[in-house]
Amino acid sequence: MLGESHPPAALYSALFKAAAKIPGVVVVEDALDAVGRRGVAVARLDETSGQREEWIFDRRTHVFLGERTVQVKKGEGDDGLLTPGTLIYTSAILKRAVVDAMKQPPSQAG
């Protein structure tokens, strides 16, 4: 929902606050999205893999900026080959638009 919709600003803020209350979720005060924008993230550690998934939000507006997954602990099995600190995945939302039909490019929206 965060990456594929265009909710009102108040909903972003509510989602950020709700996610922060999920058991095991922590707030990361300084997180970077894929294009280097700084924000605040809600994150959850997968104890088995040692990977932390972060949902990154704008610090002021709580608009969703992107997400990333970071290896923060030595994992088990194949995940044990990854060094803590390794960036596993990252993304950034650069443009959002409302269109009139499915598969319509935003540049053609009326």
PDB file of N, CA and C in Angstrom:
ATOM      1  N   MET A   1       0.828  -1.199   0.000  1.00  0.00           N
ATOM      2  CA  MET A   1       0.000   0.000   0.000  1.00  0.00           C
ATOM      3  C   MET A   1       0.867   1.255   0.000  1.00  0.00           C
ATOM      4  N   LEU A   2       1.952   1.246   0.740  1.00  0.00           N
ATOM      5  CA  LEU A   2       2.784   2.441   0.834  1.00  0.00           C
ATOM      6  C   LEU A   2       3.402   2.839  -0.498  1.00  0.00           C
ATOM      7  N   GLY A   3       3.871   1.871  -1.256  1.00  0.00           N
ATOM      8  CA  GLY A   3       4.568   2.172  -2.495  1.00  0.00           C
ATOM      9  C   GLY A   3       3.693   2.235  -3.722  1.00  0.00           C
ATOM     10  N   GLU A   4       2.457   1.777  -3.627  1.00  0.00           N
ATOM     11  CA  GLU A   4       1.631   1.662  -4.817  1.00  0.00           C
ATOM     12  C   GLU A   4       0.332   2.448  -4.759  1.00  0.00           C
ATOM     13  N   SER A   5       0.201   3.340  -3.825  1.00  0.00           N
ATOM     14  CA  SER A   5      -1.019   4.139  -3.737  1.00  0.00           C
ATOM     15  C   SER A   5      -0.651   5.592  -3.463  1.00  0.00           C
ATOM     16  N   HIS A   6      -1.650   6.433  -3.447  1.00  0.00           N
ATOM     17  CA  HIS A   6      -1.435   7.869  -3.241  1.00  0.00           C
ATOM     18  C   HIS A   6      -2.405   8.361  -2.161  1.00  0.00           C
ATOM     19  N   PRO A   7      -2.163   7.915  -0.912  1.00  0.00           N
ATOM     20  CA  PRO A   7      -3.095   8.288   0.158  1.00  0.00           C
ATOM     21  C   PRO A   7      -2.955   9.751   0.562  1.00  0.00           C
ATOM     22  N   PRO A   8      -3.980  10.295   1.191  1.00  0.00           N
ATOM     23  CA  PRO A   8      -3.884  11.663   1.709  1.00  0.00           C
ATOM     24  C   PRO A   8      -2.780  11.770   2.761  1.00  0.00           C
ATOM     25  N   ALA A   9      -2.247  12.967   2.940  1.00  0.00           N
ATOM     26  CA  ALA A   9      -1.129  13.197   3.870  1.00  0.00           C
ATOM     27  C   ALA A   9      -1.436  12.688   5.280  1.00  0.00           C
ATOM     28  N   ALA A  10      -2.662  12.882   5.740  1.00  0.00           N
ATOM     29  CA  ALA A  10      -3.022  12.456   7.095  1.00  0.00           C
ATOM     30  C   ALA A  10      -2.911  10.936   7.245  1.00  0.00           C
ATOM     31  N   LEU A  11      -3.185  10.199   6.173  1.00  0.00           N
ATOM     32  CA  LEU A  11      -3.089   8.750   6.241  1.00  0.00           C
ATOM     33  C   LEU A  11      -1.637   8.295   6.352  1.00  0.00           C
ATOM     34  N   TYR A  12      -0.722   8.960   5.637  1.00  0.00           N
ATOM     35  CA  TYR A  12       0.700   8.638   5.778  1.00  0.00           C
ATOM     36  C   TYR A  12       1.126   8.762   7.230  1.00  0.00           C
ATOM     37  N   SER A  13       0.749   9.856   7.852  1.00  0.00           N
ATOM     38  CA  SER A  13       1.126  10.086   9.242  1.00  0.00           C
ATOM     39  C   SER A  13       0.537   9.007  10.139  1.00  0.00           C
ATOM     40  N   ALA A  14      -0.718   8.645   9.904  1.00  0.00           N
ATOM     41  CA  ALA A  14      -1.362   7.605  10.709  1.00  0.00           C
ATOM     42  C   ALA A  14      -0.677   6.255  10.503  1.00  0.00           C
ATOM     43  N   LEU A  15      -0.303   5.935   9.252  1.00  0.00           N
ATOM     44  CA  LEU A  15       0.387   4.679   8.975  1.00  0.00           C
ATOM     45  C   LEU A  15       1.738   4.625   9.672  1.00  0.00           C
ATOM     46  N   PHE A  16       2.475   5.731   9.637  1.00  0.00           N
ATOM     47  CA  PHE A  16       3.769   5.801  10.313  1.00  0.00           C
ATOM     48  C   PHE A  16       3.597   5.547  11.808  1.00  0.00           C
ATOM     49  N   LYS A  17       2.647   6.220  12.412  1.00  0.00           N
ATOM     50  CA  LYS A  17       2.428   6.079  13.856  1.00  0.00           C
ATOM     51  C   LYS A  17       1.942   4.676  14.214  1.00  0.00           C
ATOM     52  N   ALA A  18       1.075   4.095  13.377  1.00  0.00           N
ATOM     53  CA  ALA A  18       0.578   2.738  13.631  1.00  0.00           C
ATOM     54  C   ALA A  18       1.702   1.715  13.491  1.00  0.00           C
ATOM     55  N   ALA A  19       2.517   1.845  12.450  1.00  0.00           N
ATOM     56  CA  ALA A  19       3.616   0.899  12.235  1.00  0.00           C
ATOM     57  C   ALA A  19       4.604   0.935  13.392  1.00  0.00           C
ATOM     58  N   ALA A  20       4.817   2.102  13.962  1.00  0.00           N
ATOM     59  CA  ALA A  20       5.759   2.245  15.071  1.00  0.00           C
ATOM     60  C   ALA A  20       5.281   1.514  16.326  1.00  0.00           C
ATOM     61  N   LYS A  21       3.985   1.169  16.385  1.00  0.00           N
ATOM     62  CA  LYS A  21       3.422   0.486  17.556  1.00  0.00           C
ATOM     63  C   LYS A  21       3.397  -1.036  17.416  1.00  0.00           C
ATOM     64  N   ILE A  22       3.784  -1.552  16.236  1.00  0.00           N
ATOM     65  CA  ILE A  22       3.797  -3.002  16.030  1.00  0.00           C
ATOM     66  C   ILE A  22       4.907  -3.604  16.897  1.00  0.00           C
ATOM     67  N   PRO A  23       4.605  -4.685  17.632  1.00  0.00           N
ATOM     68  CA  PRO A  23       5.639  -5.301  18.470  1.00  0.00           C
ATOM     69  C   PRO A  23       6.879  -5.659  17.648  1.00  0.00           C
ATOM     70  N   GLY A  24       8.040  -5.321  18.183  1.00  0.00           N
ATOM     71  CA  GLY A  24       9.301  -5.617  17.517  1.00  0.00           C
ATOM     72  C   GLY A  24       9.767  -4.541  16.554  1.00  0.00           C
ATOM     73  N   VAL A  25       8.935  -3.550  16.293  1.00  0.00           N
ATOM     74  CA  VAL A  25       9.293  -2.465  15.381  1.00  0.00           C
ATOM     75  C   VAL A  25      10.020  -1.377  16.161  1.00  0.00           C
ATOM     76  N   VAL A  26      11.068  -0.834  15.553  1.00  0.00           N
ATOM     77  CA  VAL A  26      11.819   0.257  16.164  1.00  0.00           C
ATOM     78  C   VAL A  26      11.836   1.443  15.207  1.00  0.00           C
ATOM     79  N   VAL A  27      12.121   2.613  15.742  1.00  0.00           N
ATOM     80  CA  VAL A  27      12.263   3.810  14.929  1.00  0.00           C
ATOM     81  C   VAL A  27      13.747   4.032  14.660  1.00  0.00           C
ATOM     82  N   VAL A  28      14.097   4.228  13.401  1.00  0.00           N
ATOM     83  CA  VAL A  28      15.467   4.549  13.003  1.00  0.00           C
ATOM     84  C   VAL A  28      15.466   6.034  12.678  1.00  0.00           C
ATOM     85  N   GLU A  29      16.136   6.818  13.496  1.00  0.00           N
ATOM     86  CA  GLU A  29      16.066   8.279  13.385  1.00  0.00           C
ATOM     87  C   GLU A  29      16.701   8.848  12.122  1.00  0.00           C
ATOM     88  N   ASP A  30      17.664   8.134  11.529  1.00  0.00           N
ATOM     89  CA  ASP A  30      18.333   8.651  10.338  1.00  0.00           C
ATOM     90  C   ASP A  30      18.495   7.522   9.331  1.00  0.00           C
ATOM     91  N   ALA A  31      17.612   7.498   8.327  1.00  0.00           N
ATOM     92  CA  ALA A  31      17.656   6.468   7.292  1.00  0.00           C
ATOM     93  C   ALA A  31      17.723   7.148   5.927  1.00  0.00           C
ATOM     94  N   LEU A  32      18.389   6.500   4.979  1.00  0.00           N
ATOM     95  CA  LEU A  32      18.532   7.025   3.618  1.00  0.00           C
ATOM     96  C   LEU A  32      17.761   6.164   2.645  1.00  0.00           C
ATOM     97  N   ASP A  33      17.024   6.815   1.717  1.00  0.00           N
ATOM     98  CA  ASP A  33      16.381   6.054   0.656  1.00  0.00           C
ATOM     99  C   ASP A  33      17.365   5.857  -0.496  1.00  0.00           C
ATOM    100  N   ALA A  34      16.915   5.275  -1.592  1.00  0.00           N
ATOM    101  CA  ALA A  34      17.799   4.913  -2.700  1.00  0.00           C
ATOM    102  C   ALA A  34      18.440   6.107  -3.398  1.00  0.00           C
ATOM    103  N   VAL A  35      17.860   7.294  -3.276  1.00  0.00           N
ATOM    104  CA  VAL A  35      18.442   8.479  -3.921  1.00  0.00           C
ATOM    105  C   VAL A  35      19.118   9.406  -2.911  1.00  0.00           C
ATOM    106  N   GLY A  36      19.269   8.938  -1.670  1.00  0.00           N
ATOM    107  CA  GLY A  36      20.006   9.694  -0.671  1.00  0.00           C
ATOM    108  C   GLY A  36      19.214  10.672   0.164  1.00  0.00           C
ATOM    109  N   ARG A  37      17.880  10.627   0.068  1.00  0.00           N
ATOM    110  CA  ARG A  37      17.071  11.518   0.921  1.00  0.00           C
ATOM    111  C   ARG A  37      17.056  10.962   2.336  1.00  0.00           C
ATOM    112  N   ARG A  38      17.248  11.833   3.290  1.00  0.00           N
ATOM    113  CA  ARG A  38      17.229  11.437   4.701  1.00  0.00           C
ATOM    114  C   ARG A  38      15.803  11.486   5.231  1.00  0.00           C
ATOM    115  N   GLY A  39      15.482  10.511   6.040  1.00  0.00           N
ATOM    116  CA  GLY A  39      14.174  10.465   6.662  1.00  0.00           C
ATOM    117  C   GLY A  39      14.249   9.674   7.944  1.00  0.00           C
ATOM    118  N   VAL A  40      13.099   9.425   8.498  1.00  0.00           N
ATOM    119  CA  VAL A  40      12.976   8.609   9.699  1.00  0.00           C
ATOM    120  C   VAL A  40      12.274   7.321   9.263  1.00  0.00           C
ATOM    121  N   ALA A  41      12.695   6.201   9.812  1.00  0.00           N
ATOM    122  CA  ALA A  41      12.142   4.919   9.374  1.00  0.00           C
ATOM    123  C   ALA A  41      11.534   4.153  10.538  1.00  0.00           C
ATOM    124  N   VAL A  42      10.557   3.338  10.197  1.00  0.00           N
ATOM    125  CA  VAL A  42      10.107   2.307  11.121  1.00  0.00           C
ATOM    126  C   VAL A  42      10.707   1.019  10.569  1.00  0.00           C
ATOM    127  N   ALA A  43      11.256   0.212  11.441  1.00  0.00           N
ATOM    128  CA  ALA A  43      12.029  -0.941  10.994  1.00  0.00           C
ATOM    129  C   ALA A  43      11.732  -2.159  11.851  1.00  0.00           C
ATOM    130  N   ARG A  44      11.886  -3.310  11.216  1.00  0.00           N
ATOM    131  CA  ARG A  44      11.685  -4.570  11.925  1.00  0.00           C
ATOM    132  C   ARG A  44      12.816  -5.516  11.561  1.00  0.00           C
ATOM    133  N   LEU A  45      13.390  -6.139  12.555  1.00  0.00           N
ATOM    134  CA  LEU A  45      14.499  -7.071  12.375  1.00  0.00           C
ATOM    135  C   LEU A  45      13.962  -8.487  12.232  1.00  0.00           C
ATOM    136  N   ASP A  46      14.401  -9.172  11.193  1.00  0.00           N
ATOM    137  CA  ASP A  46      14.126 -10.592  11.031  1.00  0.00           C
ATOM    138  C   ASP A  46      15.255 -11.323  11.758  1.00  0.00           C
ATOM    139  N   GLU A  47      14.950 -11.915  12.880  1.00  0.00           N
ATOM    140  CA  GLU A  47      15.974 -12.546  13.720  1.00  0.00           C
ATOM    141  C   GLU A  47      16.681 -13.699  13.013  1.00  0.00           C
ATOM    142  N   THR A  48      15.987 -14.410  12.139  1.00  0.00           N
ATOM    143  CA  THR A  48      16.584 -15.553  11.452  1.00  0.00           C
ATOM    144  C   THR A  48      17.621 -15.110  10.428  1.00  0.00           C
ATOM    145  N   SER A  49      17.246 -14.126   9.585  1.00  0.00           N
ATOM    146  CA  SER A  49      18.164 -13.694   8.524  1.00  0.00           C
ATOM    147  C   SER A  49      19.138 -12.622   9.001  1.00  0.00           C
ATOM    148  N   GLY A  50      18.804 -11.929  10.095  1.00  0.00           N
ATOM    149  CA  GLY A  50      19.629 -10.816  10.562  1.00  0.00           C
ATOM    150  C   GLY A  50      19.434  -9.550   9.754  1.00  0.00           C
ATOM    151  N   GLN A  51      18.366  -9.516   8.927  1.00  0.00           N
ATOM    152  CA  GLN A  51      18.096  -8.360   8.080  1.00  0.00           C
ATOM    153  C   GLN A  51      17.023  -7.467   8.693  1.00  0.00           C
ATOM    154  N   ARG A  52      17.254  -6.152   8.571  1.00  0.00           N
ATOM    155  CA  ARG A  52      16.290  -5.164   9.076  1.00  0.00           C
ATOM    156  C   ARG A  52      15.636  -4.483   7.879  1.00  0.00           C
ATOM    157  N   GLU A  53      14.311  -4.587   7.803  1.00  0.00           N
ATOM    158  CA  GLU A  53      13.555  -3.902   6.750  1.00  0.00           C
ATOM    159  C   GLU A  53      13.101  -2.552   7.292  1.00  0.00           C
ATOM    160  N   GLU A  54      13.404  -1.504   6.539  1.00  0.00           N
ATOM    161  CA  GLU A  54      13.077  -0.143   6.965  1.00  0.00           C
ATOM    162  C   GLU A  54      12.109   0.504   5.982  1.00  0.00           C
ATOM    163  N   TRP A  55      11.034   1.060   6.488  1.00  0.00           N
ATOM    164  CA  TRP A  55      10.125   1.889   5.689  1.00  0.00           C
ATOM    165  C   TRP A  55      10.490   3.324   6.024  1.00  0.00           C
ATOM    166  N   ILE A  56      10.917   4.076   5.040  1.00  0.00           N
ATOM    167  CA  ILE A  56      11.464   5.416   5.273  1.00  0.00           C
ATOM    168  C   ILE A  56      10.421   6.483   4.947  1.00  0.00           C
ATOM    169  N   PHE A  57      10.250   7.405   5.883  1.00  0.00           N
ATOM    170  CA  PHE A  57       9.265   8.483   5.756  1.00  0.00           C
ATOM    171  C   PHE A  57       9.960   9.837   5.883  1.00  0.00           C
ATOM    172  N   ASP A  58       9.391  10.840   5.239  1.00  0.00           N
ATOM    173  CA  ASP A  58       9.868  12.208   5.421  1.00  0.00           C
ATOM    174  C   ASP A  58       9.698  12.566   6.891  1.00  0.00           C
ATOM    175  N   ARG A  59      10.710  13.146   7.468  1.00  0.00           N
ATOM    176  CA  ARG A  59      10.702  13.456   8.901  1.00  0.00           C
ATOM    177  C   ARG A  59       9.573  14.409   9.305  1.00  0.00           C
ATOM    178  N   ARG A  60       9.264  15.369   8.443  1.00  0.00           N
ATOM    179  CA  ARG A  60       8.265  16.392   8.777  1.00  0.00           C
ATOM    180  C   ARG A  60       6.841  15.980   8.385  1.00  0.00           C
ATOM    181  N   THR A  61       6.662  15.502   7.153  1.00  0.00           N
ATOM    182  CA  THR A  61       5.320  15.223   6.641  1.00  0.00           C
ATOM    183  C   THR A  61       4.888  13.777   6.794  1.00  0.00           C
ATOM    184  N   HIS A  62       5.842  12.890   7.055  1.00  0.00           N
ATOM    185  CA  HIS A  62       5.619  11.437   7.124  1.00  0.00           C
ATOM    186  C   HIS A  62       5.206  10.835   5.790  1.00  0.00           C
ATOM    187  N   VAL A  63       5.422  11.535   4.675  1.00  0.00           N
ATOM    188  CA  VAL A  63       5.185  10.957   3.353  1.00  0.00           C
ATOM    189  C   VAL A  63       6.198   9.831   3.143  1.00  0.00           C
ATOM    190  N   PHE A  64       5.745   8.713   2.596  1.00  0.00           N
ATOM    191  CA  PHE A  64       6.597   7.552   2.371  1.00  0.00           C
ATOM    192  C   PHE A  64       7.604   7.869   1.273  1.00  0.00           C
ATOM    193  N   LEU A  65       8.909   7.738   1.588  1.00  0.00           N
ATOM    194  CA  LEU A  65       9.978   8.023   0.631  1.00  0.00           C
ATOM    195  C   LEU A  65      10.472   6.766  -0.081  1.00  0.00           C
ATOM    196  N   GLY A  66      10.500   5.654   0.630  1.00  0.00           N
ATOM    197  CA  GLY A  66      11.015   4.413   0.052  1.00  0.00           C
ATOM    198  C   GLY A  66      11.313   3.421   1.147  1.00  0.00           C
ATOM    199  N   GLU A  67      12.058   2.414   0.775  1.00  0.00           N
ATOM    200  CA  GLU A  67      12.394   1.390   1.761  1.00  0.00           C
ATOM    201  C   GLU A  67      13.781   0.833   1.487  1.00  0.00           C
ATOM    202  N   ARG A  68      14.306   0.161   2.475  1.00  0.00           N
ATOM    203  CA  ARG A  68      15.575  -0.525   2.288  1.00  0.00           C
ATOM    204  C   ARG A  68      15.657  -1.685   3.269  1.00  0.00           C
ATOM    205  N   THR A  69      16.500  -2.639   2.908  1.00  0.00           N
ATOM    206  CA  THR A  69      16.773  -3.781   3.769  1.00  0.00           C
ATOM    207  C   THR A  69      18.278  -3.812   3.991  1.00  0.00           C
ATOM    208  N   VAL A  70      18.668  -3.893   5.264  1.00  0.00           N
ATOM    209  CA  VAL A  70      20.080  -3.864   5.635  1.00  0.00           C
ATOM    210  C   VAL A  70      20.394  -5.100   6.476  1.00  0.00           C
ATOM    211  N   GLN A  71      21.514  -5.733   6.167  1.00  0.00           N
ATOM    212  CA  GLN A  71      21.991  -6.841   6.989  1.00  0.00           C
ATOM    213  C   GLN A  71      22.599  -6.213   8.249  1.00  0.00           C
ATOM    214  N   VAL A  72      22.000  -6.461   9.404  1.00  0.00           N
ATOM    215  CA  VAL A  72      22.511  -5.837  10.630  1.00  0.00           C
ATOM    216  C   VAL A  72      23.131  -6.831  11.605  1.00  0.00           C
ATOM    217  N   LYS A  73      22.813  -8.118  11.427  1.00  0.00           N
ATOM    218  CA  LYS A  73      23.386  -9.159  12.272  1.00  0.00           C
ATOM    219  C   LYS A  73      23.780 -10.323  11.380  1.00  0.00           C
ATOM    220  N   LYS A  74      24.749 -11.081  11.815  1.00  0.00           N
ATOM    221  CA  LYS A  74      25.128 -12.270  11.057  1.00  0.00           C
ATOM    222  C   LYS A  74      23.950 -13.241  11.083  1.00  0.00           C
ATOM    223  N   GLY A  75      23.496 -13.655   9.913  1.00  0.00           N
ATOM    224  CA  GLY A  75      22.355 -14.550   9.815  1.00  0.00           C
ATOM    225  C   GLY A  75      22.758 -16.002   9.927  1.00  0.00           C
ATOM    226  N   GLU A  76      21.783 -16.867   9.708  1.00  0.00           N
ATOM    227  CA  GLU A  76      22.001 -18.312   9.748  1.00  0.00           C
ATOM    228  C   GLU A  76      21.990 -18.847   8.324  1.00  0.00           C
ATOM    229  N   GLY A  77      22.587 -20.004   8.086  1.00  0.00           N
ATOM    230  CA  GLY A  77      22.573 -20.637   6.770  1.00  0.00           C
ATOM    231  C   GLY A  77      23.203 -19.748   5.714  1.00  0.00           C
ATOM    232  N   ASP A  78      22.575 -19.682   4.529  1.00  0.00           N
ATOM    233  CA  ASP A  78      23.094 -18.857   3.436  1.00  0.00           C
ATOM    234  C   ASP A  78      23.176 -17.386   3.822  1.00  0.00           C
ATOM    235  N   ASP A  79      22.250 -16.919   4.685  1.00  0.00           N
ATOM    236  CA  ASP A  79      22.277 -15.524   5.127  1.00  0.00           C
ATOM    237  C   ASP A  79      23.514 -15.223   5.974  1.00  0.00           C
ATOM    238  N   GLY A  80      24.172 -16.237   6.477  1.00  0.00           N
ATOM    239  CA  GLY A  80      25.372 -16.057   7.280  1.00  0.00           C
ATOM    240  C   GLY A  80      26.567 -15.587   6.464  1.00  0.00           C
ATOM    241  N   LEU A  81      26.451 -15.625   5.141  1.00  0.00           N
ATOM    242  CA  LEU A  81      27.542 -15.180   4.272  1.00  0.00           C
ATOM    243  C   LEU A  81      27.573 -13.663   4.115  1.00  0.00           C
ATOM    244  N   LEU A  82      26.502 -12.991   4.479  1.00  0.00           N
ATOM    245  CA  LEU A  82      26.425 -11.538   4.318  1.00  0.00           C
ATOM    246  C   LEU A  82      27.013 -10.822   5.531  1.00  0.00           C
ATOM    247  N   THR A  83      27.832  -9.828   5.271  1.00  0.00           N
ATOM    248  CA  THR A  83      28.473  -9.050   6.324  1.00  0.00           C
ATOM    249  C   THR A  83      27.496  -8.019   6.885  1.00  0.00           C
ATOM    250  N   PRO A  84      27.396  -7.895   8.218  1.00  0.00           N
ATOM    251  CA  PRO A  84      26.561  -6.839   8.777  1.00  0.00           C
ATOM    252  C   PRO A  84      26.954  -5.476   8.194  1.00  0.00           C
ATOM    253  N   GLY A  85      25.954  -4.685   7.869  1.00  0.00           N
ATOM    254  CA  GLY A  85      26.163  -3.389   7.221  1.00  0.00           C
ATOM    255  C   GLY A  85      25.898  -3.431   5.730  1.00  0.00           C
ATOM    256  N   THR A  86      25.764  -4.648   5.157  1.00  0.00           N
ATOM    257  CA  THR A  86      25.506  -4.787   3.722  1.00  0.00           C
ATOM    258  C   THR A  86      24.086  -4.333   3.392  1.00  0.00           C
ATOM    259  N   LEU A  87      23.968  -3.483   2.373  1.00  0.00           N
ATOM    260  CA  LEU A  87      22.668  -3.040   1.887  1.00  0.00           C
ATOM    261  C   LEU A  87      22.137  -4.122   0.950  1.00  0.00           C
ATOM    262  N   ILE A  88      21.006  -4.699   1.280  1.00  0.00           N
ATOM    263  CA  ILE A  88      20.431  -5.805   0.522  1.00  0.00           C
ATOM    264  C   ILE A  88      19.493  -5.287  -0.564  1.00  0.00           C
ATOM    265  N   TYR A  89      18.697  -4.283  -0.233  1.00  0.00           N
ATOM    266  CA  TYR A  89      17.688  -3.757  -1.149  1.00  0.00           C
ATOM    267  C   TYR A  89      17.418  -2.304  -0.791  1.00  0.00           C
ATOM    268  N   THR A  90      17.138  -1.487  -1.803  1.00  0.00           N
ATOM    269  CA  THR A  90      16.751  -0.110  -1.546  1.00  0.00           C
ATOM    270  C   THR A  90      15.833   0.378  -2.669  1.00  0.00           C
ATOM    271  N   SER A  91      14.931   1.280  -2.335  1.00  0.00           N
ATOM    272  CA  SER A  91      14.037   1.864  -3.339  1.00  0.00           C
ATOM    273  C   SER A  91      13.685   3.281  -2.923  1.00  0.00           C
ATOM    274  N   ALA A  92      13.172   4.041  -3.886  1.00  0.00           N
ATOM    275  CA  ALA A  92      12.729   5.407  -3.612  1.00  0.00           C
ATOM    276  C   ALA A  92      11.524   5.713  -4.492  1.00  0.00           C
ATOM    277  N   ILE A  93      10.546   6.365  -3.922  1.00  0.00           N
ATOM    278  CA  ILE A  93       9.383   6.840  -4.670  1.00  0.00           C
ATOM    279  C   ILE A  93       9.737   8.248  -5.140  1.00  0.00           C
ATOM    280  N   LEU A  94       9.846   8.421  -6.452  1.00  0.00           N
ATOM    281  CA  LEU A  94      10.236   9.723  -6.999  1.00  0.00           C
ATOM    282  C   LEU A  94       9.066  10.520  -7.534  1.00  0.00           C
ATOM    283  N   LYS A  95       8.018   9.831  -7.974  1.00  0.00           N
ATOM    284  CA  LYS A  95       6.873  10.534  -8.545  1.00  0.00           C
ATOM    285  C   LYS A  95       5.611   9.731  -8.294  1.00  0.00           C
ATOM    286  N   ARG A  96       4.565  10.429  -7.924  1.00  0.00           N
ATOM    287  CA  ARG A  96       3.247   9.822  -7.760  1.00  0.00           C
ATOM    288  C   ARG A  96       2.269  10.650  -8.571  1.00  0.00           C
ATOM    289  N   ALA A  97       1.299   9.997  -9.159  1.00  0.00           N
ATOM    290  CA  ALA A  97       0.296  10.715  -9.928  1.00  0.00           C
ATOM    291  C   ALA A  97      -1.002   9.925  -9.940  1.00  0.00           C
ATOM    292  N   VAL A  98      -2.084  10.627 -10.108  1.00  0.00           N
ATOM    293  CA  VAL A  98      -3.398  10.015 -10.248  1.00  0.00           C
ATOM    294  C   VAL A  98      -3.722  10.003 -11.735  1.00  0.00           C
ATOM    295  N   VAL A  99      -4.137   8.842 -12.251  1.00  0.00           N
ATOM    296  CA  VAL A  99      -4.484   8.710 -13.670  1.00  0.00           C
ATOM    297  C   VAL A  99      -5.939   8.287 -13.793  1.00  0.00           C
ATOM    298  N   ASP A 100      -6.474   8.379 -15.000  1.00  0.00           N
ATOM    299  CA  ASP A 100      -7.880   8.067 -15.239  1.00  0.00           C
ATOM    300  C   ASP A 100      -8.149   6.600 -15.532  1.00  0.00           C
ATOM    301  N   ALA A 101      -7.103   5.850 -15.922  1.00  0.00           N
ATOM    302  CA  ALA A 101      -7.305   4.454 -16.287  1.00  0.00           C
ATOM    303  C   ALA A 101      -6.059   3.638 -15.959  1.00  0.00           C
ATOM    304  N   MET A 102      -6.259   2.331 -15.813  1.00  0.00           N
ATOM    305  CA  MET A 102      -5.123   1.436 -15.575  1.00  0.00           C
ATOM    306  C   MET A 102      -4.173   1.495 -16.762  1.00  0.00           C
ATOM    307  N   LYS A 103      -2.894   1.381 -16.484  1.00  0.00           N
ATOM    308  CA  LYS A 103      -1.816   1.379 -17.490  1.00  0.00           C
ATOM    309  C   LYS A 103      -1.661   2.699 -18.222  1.00  0.00           C
ATOM    310  N   GLN A 104      -2.365   3.748 -17.791  1.00  0.00           N
ATOM    311  CA  GLN A 104      -2.212   5.059 -18.409  1.00  0.00           C
ATOM    312  C   GLN A 104      -0.993   5.755 -17.794  1.00  0.00           C
ATOM    313  N   PRO A 105      -0.034   6.181 -18.604  1.00  0.00           N
ATOM    314  CA  PRO A 105       1.116   6.901 -18.067  1.00  0.00           C
ATOM    315  C   PRO A 105       0.681   8.235 -17.445  1.00  0.00           C
ATOM    316  N   PRO A 106       1.282   8.631 -16.342  1.00  0.00           N
ATOM    317  CA  PRO A 106       0.908   9.896 -15.700  1.00  0.00           C
ATOM    318  C   PRO A 106       1.004  11.098 -16.642  1.00  0.00           C
ATOM    319  N   SER A 107       1.908  11.041 -17.600  1.00  0.00           N
ATOM    320  CA  SER A 107       2.061  12.176 -18.519  1.00  0.00           C
ATOM    321  C   SER A 107       0.845  12.351 -19.418  1.00  0.00           C
ATOM    322  N   GLN A 108      -0.027  11.326 -19.524  1.00  0.00           N
ATOM    323  CA  GLN A 108      -1.211  11.409 -20.370  1.00  0.00           C
ATOM    324  C   GLN A 108      -2.485  11.604 -19.567  1.00  0.00           C
ATOM    325  N   ALA A 109      -2.362  11.792 -18.258  1.00  0.00           N
ATOM    326  CA  ALA A 109      -3.544  11.964 -17.415  1.00  0.00           C
ATOM    327  C   ALA A 109      -4.206  13.302 -17.699  1.00  0.00           C
ATOM    328  N   GLY A 110      -5.518  13.302 -17.636  1.00  0.00           N
ATOM    329  CA  GLY A 110      -6.276  14.520 -17.937  1.00  0.00           C
ATOM    330  C   GLY A 110      -6.584  15.267 -16.769  1.00  0.00           C
TER     331      GLY A 110
END
